[in-house]
C-alpha atoms as a PDB file:
ATOM      1  CA  UNK A   1      -0.397 172.507  35.226  1.00  0.00           C
ATOM      2  CA  UNK A   2      -2.532 175.628  34.816  1.00  0.00           C
ATOM      3  CA  UNK A   3      -0.395 177.113  31.997  1.00  0.00           C
ATOM      4  CA  UNK A   4      -0.645 173.831  30.077  1.00  0.00           C
ATOM      5  CA  UNK A   5      -4.409 173.617  30.560  1.00  0.00           C
ATOM      6  CA  UNK A   6      -4.861 177.257  29.502  1.00  0.00           C
ATOM      7  CA  UNK A   7      -2.752 176.640  26.388  1.00  0.00           C
ATOM      8  CA  UNK A   8      -4.777 173.547  25.469  1.00  0.00           C
ATOM      9  CA  UNK A   9      -8.004 175.473  25.988  1.00  0.00           C
ATOM     10  CA  UNK A  10      -6.733 178.331  23.810  1.00  0.00           C
ATOM     11  CA  UNK A  11      -5.852 175.859  21.036  1.00  0.00           C
ATOM     12  CA  UNK A  12      -9.314 174.277  21.002  1.00  0.00           C
ATOM     13  CA  UNK A  13     -11.455 175.376  18.055  1.00  0.00           C
ATOM     14  CA  UNK A  14     -14.680 177.283  18.728  1.00  0.00           C
ATOM     15  CA  UNK A  15     -17.217 176.455  20.055  1.00  0.00           C
ATOM     16  CA  UNK A  16     -15.604 175.115  23.242  1.00  0.00           C
ATOM     17  CA  UNK A  17     -17.181 172.904  25.901  1.00  0.00           C
ATOM     18  CA  UNK A  18     -15.462 171.628  29.033  1.00  0.00           C
ATOM     19  CA  UNK A  19     -16.299 168.717  31.354  1.00  0.00           C
ATOM     20  CA  UNK A  20     -14.611 168.757  34.761  1.00  0.00           C
ATOM     21  CA  UNK A  21     -14.200 165.136  35.867  1.00  0.00           C
ATOM     22  CA  UNK A  22     -13.820 164.266  39.527  1.00  0.00           C
ATOM     23  CA  UNK A  23     -13.328 166.091  42.785  1.00  0.00           C
ATOM     24  CA  UNK A  24      -9.641 166.753  42.123  1.00  0.00           C
ATOM     25  CA  UNK A  25     -10.368 168.683  38.911  1.00  0.00           C
ATOM     26  CA  UNK A  26     -13.336 170.516  40.373  1.00  0.00           C
ATOM     27  CA  UNK A  27     -12.065 171.575  43.780  1.00  0.00           C
ATOM     28  CA  UNK A  28      -8.615 170.039  44.213  1.00  0.00           C
ATOM     29  CA  UNK A  29      -9.838 167.339  46.552  1.00  0.00           C
ATOM     30  CA  UNK A  30      -7.635 166.511  49.532  1.00  0.00           C
ATOM     31  CA  UNK A  31      -4.427 166.783  47.540  1.00  0.00           C
ATOM     32  CA  UNK A  32      -2.293 169.890  47.174  1.00  0.00           C
ATOM     33  CA  UNK A  33       0.603 169.433  44.774  1.00  0.00           C
ATOM     34  CA  UNK A  34       1.864 170.871  41.480  1.00  0.00           C
ATOM     35  CA  UNK A  35      -0.173 168.514  39.276  1.00  0.00           C
ATOM     36  CA  UNK A  36      -3.602 169.262  40.755  1.00  0.00           C
ATOM     37  CA  UNK A  37      -5.345 172.574  40.161  1.00  0.00           C
ATOM     38  CA  UNK A  38      -7.413 173.834  43.088  1.00  0.00           C
ATOM     39  CA  UNK A  39     -10.607 174.658  41.200  1.00  0.00           C
ATOM     40  CA  UNK A  40     -10.205 174.588  37.426  1.00  0.00           C
ATOM     41  CA  UNK A  41     -13.262 176.829  36.969  1.00  0.00           C
ATOM     42  CA  UNK A  42     -11.148 179.740  38.200  1.00  0.00           C
ATOM     43  CA  UNK A  43      -8.960 179.444  35.093  1.00  0.00           C
ATOM     44  CA  UNK A  44     -11.215 178.170  32.286  1.00  0.00           C
ATOM     45  CA  UNK A  45     -15.012 178.091  31.997  1.00  0.00           C
ATOM     46  CA  UNK A  46     -16.529 174.704  32.875  1.00  0.00           C
ATOM     47  CA  UNK A  47     -19.841 173.608  31.377  1.00  0.00           C
ATOM     48  CA  UNK A  48     -20.508 170.343  33.261  1.00  0.00           C
ATOM     49  CA  UNK A  49     -19.103 168.931  36.497  1.00  0.00           C
ATOM     50  CA  UNK A  50     -18.776 165.175  37.119  1.00  0.00           C
ATOM     51  CA  UNK A  51     -18.746 164.363  40.847  1.00  0.00           C
ATOM     52  CA  UNK A  52     -16.885 161.528  42.503  1.00  0.00           C
ATOM     53  CA  UNK A  53     -13.415 160.306  43.278  1.00  0.00           C
ATOM     54  CA  UNK A  54     -13.006 158.519  40.954  1.00  0.00           C
ATOM     55  CA  UNK A  55     -16.064 159.487  38.896  1.00  0.00           C
ATOM     56  CA  UNK A  56     -18.443 156.597  38.243  1.00  0.00           C
ATOM     57  CA  UNK A  57     -19.197 155.637  34.617  1.00  0.00           C
ATOM     58  CA  UNK A  58     -22.900 156.438  34.983  1.00  0.00           C
ATOM     59  CA  UNK A  59     -22.016 159.918  36.249  1.00  0.00           C
ATOM     60  CA  UNK A  60     -19.849 160.499  33.174  1.00  0.00           C
ATOM     61  CA  UNK A  61     -22.704 159.373  30.926  1.00  0.00           C
ATOM     62  CA  UNK A  62     -25.064 161.746  32.751  1.00  0.00           C
ATOM     63  CA  UNK A  63     -22.581 164.601  32.266  1.00  0.00           C
ATOM     64  CA  UNK A  64     -22.322 163.863  28.541  1.00  0.00           C
ATOM     65  CA  UNK A  65     -26.122 163.852  28.252  1.00  0.00           C
ATOM     66  CA  UNK A  66     -26.310 167.179  30.145  1.00  0.00           C
ATOM     67  CA  UNK A  67     -23.694 168.661  27.820  1.00  0.00           C
ATOM     68  CA  UNK A  68     -25.632 167.416  24.788  1.00  0.00           C
ATOM     69  CA  UNK A  69     -28.785 169.100  26.124  1.00  0.00           C
ATOM     70  CA  UNK A  70     -26.851 172.316  26.701  1.00  0.00           C
ATOM     71  CA  UNK A  71     -25.462 172.210  23.150  1.00  0.00           C
ATOM     72  CA  UNK A  72     -28.923 171.520  21.694  1.00  0.00           C
ATOM     73  CA  UNK A  73     -30.277 174.519  23.612  1.00  0.00           C
ATOM     74  CA  UNK A  74     -27.577 176.760  22.128  1.00  0.00           C
ATOM     75  CA  UNK A  75     -28.298 175.847  18.535  1.00  0.00           C
ATOM     76  CA  UNK A  76     -28.391 178.729  16.141  1.00  0.00           C
ATOM     77  CA  UNK A  77     -26.212 180.062  13.400  1.00  0.00           C
ATOM     78  CA  UNK A  78     -22.542 179.209  13.075  1.00  0.00           C
ATOM     79  CA  UNK A  79     -21.701 182.848  13.794  1.00  0.00           C
ATOM     80  CA  UNK A  80     -23.595 182.664  17.093  1.00  0.00           C
ATOM     81  CA  UNK A  81     -21.726 179.506  18.074  1.00  0.00           C
ATOM     82  CA  UNK A  82     -18.312 180.901  17.189  1.00  0.00           C
ATOM     83  CA  UNK A  83     -18.653 184.452  18.492  1.00  0.00           C
ATOM     84  CA  UNK A  84     -21.114 183.713  21.347  1.00  0.00           C
ATOM     85  CA  UNK A  85     -23.552 186.285  20.009  1.00  0.00           C
ATOM     86  CA  UNK A  86     -27.331 186.163  20.386  1.00  0.00           C
END
């Protein structure tokens, strides 16, 4: 699944933000098969991690709020957002 995830990430328009949902996406959990990546942050940058297996709705809401705060802190010009320049 890593090549597919990398391709999807490459196709996303800038600026890019990623939420890793659940233990399986973050660390692979207890499973080890072709469909589960053992640590997605080794292949694409992750901004916010959502714990749990499965993740609880309130944890997802907290992750979205954290991502919003991160985005608000990175406000600047469009060029800064696209080219990650400061």
